Amino acid sequence: MDVKNMDYSELADQLTAKLQSLRKAGSHRYILEALRGEPFVLHYLSRRGESVLPGDIGQEMGVSSARIAAALNKLEGKGLITRRIDTSDRRKILVQITQEGRELAAKHQRIILGDTARMLYMLGERDAKEYVRITGKMADIVAGKYPPLSCDCEE
């Protein structure tokens, strides 16, 4: 099929249906959940290895300060993070992961990597590499690393 005559709307419909199926799937759902919410906050804090501002977490997640505050309240209640006043600027609150939070983040990461590796294995080496390449390209497009398309995709 000629690229100019390609029906991107039909492909988009198929892709969104497949993504919806993935979203409902068992272990894949766990992976998606880990990319947001409390597991994401724990992973982010563990990776940073230092105290951070709640706004930094919100910016990384792309969510409101109210959602971050709710997640931090739950995590603090579970003993997975601590919050303290910044001694150099008393208007700021610093968030730090506890040892228990670090251990839980590592456990989540092992599960996610294991599940993801199994799914990629089931694709086979060639398709797995292609999937990762295409997903990376889609992430770059969404992040604005490519110029916007000037085509009318709904012909």
C-alpha atoms as a PDB file:
ATOM      1  CA  MET A   1       0.000   0.000   0.000  1.00  0.00           C
ATOM      2  CA  ASP A   2       1.287   3.463  -0.905  1.00  0.00           C
ATOM      3  CA  VAL A   3       2.127   5.501   2.198  1.00  0.00           C
ATOM      4  CA  LYS A   4       0.009   8.402   0.924  1.00  0.00           C
ATOM      5  CA  ASN A   5      -3.004   6.067   0.728  1.00  0.00           C
ATOM      6  CA  MET A   6      -2.356   4.417   4.068  1.00  0.00           C
ATOM      7  CA  ASP A   7      -5.399   4.527   6.348  1.00  0.00           C
ATOM      8  CA  TYR A   8      -3.781   5.692   9.587  1.00  0.00           C
ATOM      9  CA  SER A   9      -7.183   6.108  11.217  1.00  0.00           C
ATOM     10  CA  GLU A  10      -7.864   2.381  10.849  1.00  0.00           C
ATOM     11  CA  LEU A  11      -4.396   1.550  12.198  1.00  0.00           C
ATOM     12  CA  ALA A  12      -4.956   3.967  15.085  1.00  0.00           C
ATOM     13  CA  ASP A  13      -8.248   2.225  15.871  1.00  0.00           C
ATOM     14  CA  GLN A  14      -6.531  -1.176  15.862  1.00  0.00           C
ATOM     15  CA  LEU A  15      -3.667   0.088  18.010  1.00  0.00           C
ATOM     16  CA  THR A  16      -5.931   1.644  20.637  1.00  0.00           C
ATOM     17  CA  ALA A  17      -7.943  -1.584  20.827  1.00  0.00           C
ATOM     18  CA  LYS A  18      -4.724  -3.591  21.348  1.00  0.00           C
ATOM     19  CA  LEU A  19      -3.467  -1.125  23.958  1.00  0.00           C
ATOM     20  CA  GLN A  20      -6.779  -1.418  25.803  1.00  0.00           C
ATOM     21  CA  SER A  21      -6.391  -5.208  25.819  1.00  0.00           C
ATOM     22  CA  LEU A  22      -2.853  -4.845  27.173  1.00  0.00           C
ATOM     23  CA  ARG A  23      -4.098  -2.494  29.868  1.00  0.00           C
ATOM     24  CA  LYS A  24      -6.537  -5.147  31.111  1.00  0.00           C
ATOM     25  CA  ALA A  25      -3.996  -7.997  31.006  1.00  0.00           C
ATOM     26  CA  GLY A  26      -2.764  -9.547  34.252  1.00  0.00           C
ATOM     27  CA  SER A  27       0.991  -9.113  34.637  1.00  0.00           C
ATOM     28  CA  HIS A  28       1.077  -6.258  32.150  1.00  0.00           C
ATOM     29  CA  ARG A  29      -1.380  -4.373  34.369  1.00  0.00           C
ATOM     30  CA  TYR A  30       1.122  -4.670  37.223  1.00  0.00           C
ATOM     31  CA  ILE A  31       3.817  -3.185  34.991  1.00  0.00           C
ATOM     32  CA  LEU A  32       1.571  -0.261  34.016  1.00  0.00           C
ATOM     33  CA  GLU A  33       0.615   0.361  37.652  1.00  0.00           C
ATOM     34  CA  ALA A  34       4.296   0.478  38.581  1.00  0.00           C
ATOM     35  CA  LEU A  35       4.804   3.316  36.111  1.00  0.00           C
ATOM     36  CA  ARG A  36       2.564   5.586  38.153  1.00  0.00           C
ATOM     37  CA  GLY A  37       1.315   6.053  41.697  1.00  0.00           C
ATOM     38  CA  GLU A  38       3.051   4.849  44.820  1.00  0.00           C
ATOM     39  CA  PRO A  39       5.338   2.283  43.123  1.00  0.00           C
ATOM     40  CA  PHE A  40       6.589   4.985  40.760  1.00  0.00           C
ATOM     41  CA  VAL A  41       7.320   7.357  43.643  1.00  0.00           C
ATOM     42  CA  LEU A  42       9.285   4.662  45.478  1.00  0.00           C
ATOM     43  CA  HIS A  43      11.266   3.763  42.371  1.00  0.00           C
ATOM     44  CA  TYR A  44      11.991   7.424  41.629  1.00  0.00           C
ATOM     45  CA  LEU A  45      13.181   8.105  45.172  1.00  0.00           C
ATOM     46  CA  SER A  46      15.273   4.945  45.230  1.00  0.00           C
ATOM     47  CA  ARG A  47      16.891   5.821  41.912  1.00  0.00           C
ATOM     48  CA  ARG A  48      17.636   9.403  42.982  1.00  0.00           C
ATOM     49  CA  GLY A  49      19.242   8.250  46.216  1.00  0.00           C
ATOM     50  CA  GLU A  50      18.789  11.644  47.868  1.00  0.00           C
ATOM     51  CA  SER A  51      16.078  13.827  49.325  1.00  0.00           C
ATOM     52  CA  VAL A  52      13.852  15.477  46.733  1.00  0.00           C
ATOM     53  CA  LEU A  53      11.121  18.069  46.633  1.00  0.00           C
ATOM     54  CA  PRO A  54       7.557  16.851  46.119  1.00  0.00           C
ATOM     55  CA  GLY A  55       7.377  19.118  43.054  1.00  0.00           C
ATOM     56  CA  ASP A  56      10.256  17.195  41.461  1.00  0.00           C
ATOM     57  CA  ILE A  57       8.291  13.960  41.831  1.00  0.00           C
ATOM     58  CA  GLY A  58       5.156  15.577  40.411  1.00  0.00           C
ATOM     59  CA  GLN A  59       7.066  16.933  37.443  1.00  0.00           C
ATOM     60  CA  GLU A  60       8.612  13.538  36.722  1.00  0.00           C
ATOM     61  CA  MET A  61       5.209  11.839  36.926  1.00  0.00           C
ATOM     62  CA  GLY A  62       3.332  14.618  35.156  1.00  0.00           C
ATOM     63  CA  VAL A  63       0.652  14.830  37.834  1.00  0.00           C
ATOM     64  CA  SER A  64      -0.744  17.537  40.103  1.00  0.00           C
ATOM     65  CA  SER A  65       0.684  18.470  43.473  1.00  0.00           C
ATOM     66  CA  ALA A  66      -2.564  17.206  45.063  1.00  0.00           C
ATOM     67  CA  ARG A  67      -1.983  13.702  43.642  1.00  0.00           C
ATOM     68  CA  ILE A  68       1.612  13.735  44.824  1.00  0.00           C
ATOM     69  CA  ALA A  69       0.542  14.866  48.301  1.00  0.00           C
ATOM     70  CA  ALA A  70      -1.979  12.013  48.497  1.00  0.00           C
ATOM     71  CA  ALA A  71       0.618   9.434  47.400  1.00  0.00           C
ATOM     72  CA  LEU A  72       3.198  10.809  49.843  1.00  0.00           C
ATOM     73  CA  ASN A  73       0.684  10.731  52.698  1.00  0.00           C
ATOM     74  CA  LYS A  74      -0.022   7.047  52.019  1.00  0.00           C
ATOM     75  CA  LEU A  75       3.655   6.165  51.656  1.00  0.00           C
ATOM     76  CA  GLU A  76       4.559   8.023  54.839  1.00  0.00           C
ATOM     77  CA  GLY A  77       1.730   6.281  56.680  1.00  0.00           C
ATOM     78  CA  LYS A  78       3.203   2.941  55.607  1.00  0.00           C
ATOM     79  CA  GLY A  79       6.683   3.954  56.783  1.00  0.00           C
ATOM     80  CA  LEU A  80       8.102   3.855  53.239  1.00  0.00           C
ATOM     81  CA  ILE A  81       9.151   7.524  53.069  1.00  0.00           C
ATOM     82  CA  THR A  82       9.895  10.373  55.442  1.00  0.00           C
ATOM     83  CA  ARG A  83       9.308  14.083  55.018  1.00  0.00           C
ATOM     84  CA  ARG A  84      11.276  16.791  56.739  1.00  0.00           C
ATOM     85  CA  ILE A  85      11.742  20.534  56.534  1.00  0.00           C
ATOM     86  CA  ASP A  86      14.731  21.655  54.468  1.00  0.00           C
ATOM     87  CA  THR A  87      17.161  23.242  56.936  1.00  0.00           C
ATOM     88  CA  SER A  88      18.510  25.624  54.283  1.00  0.00           C
ATOM     89  CA  ASP A  89      15.013  26.825  53.293  1.00  0.00           C
ATOM     90  CA  ARG A  90      12.323  26.182  55.882  1.00  0.00           C
ATOM     91  CA  ARG A  91       9.589  26.760  53.275  1.00  0.00           C
ATOM     92  CA  LYS A  92      10.551  23.535  51.517  1.00  0.00           C
ATOM     93  CA  ILE A  93       9.740  19.946  52.443  1.00  0.00           C
ATOM     94  CA  LEU A  94      12.182  17.209  51.472  1.00  0.00           C
ATOM     95  CA  VAL A  95      11.081  13.637  50.782  1.00  0.00           C
ATOM     96  CA  GLN A  96      13.358  10.669  51.375  1.00  0.00           C
ATOM     97  CA  ILE A  97      12.821   6.936  50.985  1.00  0.00           C
ATOM     98  CA  THR A  98      13.263   4.700  54.040  1.00  0.00           C
ATOM     99  CA  GLN A  99      15.160   1.417  54.020  1.00  0.00           C
ATOM    100  CA  GLU A 100      11.840  -0.441  53.982  1.00  0.00           C
ATOM    101  CA  GLY A 101      10.735   1.686  51.019  1.00  0.00           C
ATOM    102  CA  ARG A 102      14.009   1.000  49.218  1.00  0.00           C
ATOM    103  CA  GLU A 103      13.559  -2.752  49.716  1.00  0.00           C
ATOM    104  CA  LEU A 104       9.975  -2.613  48.423  1.00  0.00           C
ATOM    105  CA  ALA A 105      11.079  -0.551  45.393  1.00  0.00           C
ATOM    106  CA  ALA A 106      13.774  -3.140  44.621  1.00  0.00           C
ATOM    107  CA  LYS A 107      11.225  -5.962  44.934  1.00  0.00           C
ATOM    108  CA  HIS A 108       8.812  -4.156  42.581  1.00  0.00           C
ATOM    109  CA  GLN A 109      11.647  -3.550  40.111  1.00  0.00           C
ATOM    110  CA  ARG A 110      12.652  -7.244  40.111  1.00  0.00           C
ATOM    111  CA  ILE A 111       9.053  -8.293  39.436  1.00  0.00           C
ATOM    112  CA  ILE A 112       8.586  -5.739  36.663  1.00  0.00           C
ATOM    113  CA  LEU A 113      11.864  -6.606  34.948  1.00  0.00           C
ATOM    114  CA  GLY A 114      11.133 -10.317  35.219  1.00  0.00           C
ATOM    115  CA  ASP A 115       7.638  -9.991  33.756  1.00  0.00           C
ATOM    116  CA  THR A 116       8.859  -7.698  31.008  1.00  0.00           C
ATOM    117  CA  ALA A 117      11.758  -9.997  30.133  1.00  0.00           C
ATOM    118  CA  ARG A 118       9.348 -12.950  29.889  1.00  0.00           C
ATOM    119  CA  MET A 119       7.058 -11.045  27.538  1.00  0.00           C
ATOM    120  CA  LEU A 120       9.982  -9.974  25.374  1.00  0.00           C
ATOM    121  CA  TYR A 121      11.280 -13.561  25.350  1.00  0.00           C
ATOM    122  CA  MET A 122       7.898 -14.742  24.085  1.00  0.00           C
ATOM    123  CA  LEU A 123       8.157 -12.261  21.201  1.00  0.00           C
ATOM    124  CA  GLY A 124      11.478 -13.708  20.138  1.00  0.00           C
ATOM    125  CA  GLU A 125      14.750 -11.825  19.761  1.00  0.00           C
ATOM    126  CA  ARG A 126      13.978 -10.047  16.477  1.00  0.00           C
ATOM    127  CA  ASP A 127      10.462  -8.903  17.409  1.00  0.00           C
ATOM    128  CA  ALA A 128      11.539  -7.976  20.949  1.00  0.00           C
ATOM    129  CA  LYS A 129      14.291  -5.702  19.648  1.00  0.00           C
ATOM    130  CA  GLU A 130      11.915  -4.198  17.089  1.00  0.00           C
ATOM    131  CA  TYR A 131       9.241  -3.629  19.731  1.00  0.00           C
ATOM    132  CA  VAL A 132      11.720  -1.819  21.991  1.00  0.00           C
ATOM    133  CA  ARG A 133      12.977   0.256  19.045  1.00  0.00           C
ATOM    134  CA  ILE A 134       9.467   1.261  17.959  1.00  0.00           C
ATOM    135  CA  THR A 135       8.355   1.979  21.533  1.00  0.00           C
ATOM    136  CA  GLY A 136      11.402   4.219  21.943  1.00  0.00           C
ATOM    137  CA  LYS A 137      10.543   6.050  18.750  1.00  0.00           C
ATOM    138  CA  MET A 138       6.931   6.515  19.902  1.00  0.00           C
ATOM    139  CA  ALA A 139       8.210   7.887  23.236  1.00  0.00           C
ATOM    140  CA  ASP A 140      10.430  10.345  21.344  1.00  0.00           C
ATOM    141  CA  ILE A 141       7.494  11.443  19.178  1.00  0.00           C
ATOM    142  CA  VAL A 142       5.277  12.001  22.215  1.00  0.00           C
ATOM    143  CA  ALA A 143       8.110  13.880  23.947  1.00  0.00           C
ATOM    144  CA  GLY A 144       8.326  16.226  20.950  1.00  0.00           C
ATOM    145  CA  LYS A 145      11.732  15.103  19.712  1.00  0.00           C
ATOM    146  CA  TYR A 146      10.400  14.965  16.143  1.00  0.00           C
ATOM    147  CA  PRO A 147       8.830  17.856  14.244  1.00  0.00           C
ATOM    148  CA  PRO A 148       5.018  17.723  14.186  1.00  0.00           C
ATOM    149  CA  LEU A 149       3.476  15.945  11.230  1.00  0.00           C
ATOM    150  CA  SER A 150       1.821  18.122   8.641  1.00  0.00           C
ATOM    151  CA  CYS A 151      -0.270  15.370   7.072  1.00  0.00           C
ATOM    152  CA  ASP A 152      -4.021  14.967   7.331  1.00  0.00           C
ATOM    153  CA  CYS A 153      -4.323  11.482   8.794  1.00  0.00           C
ATOM    154  CA  GLU A 154      -8.112  11.403   8.667  1.00  0.00           C
ATOM    155  CA  GLU A 155      -8.624  11.433   4.902  1.00  0.00           C
END
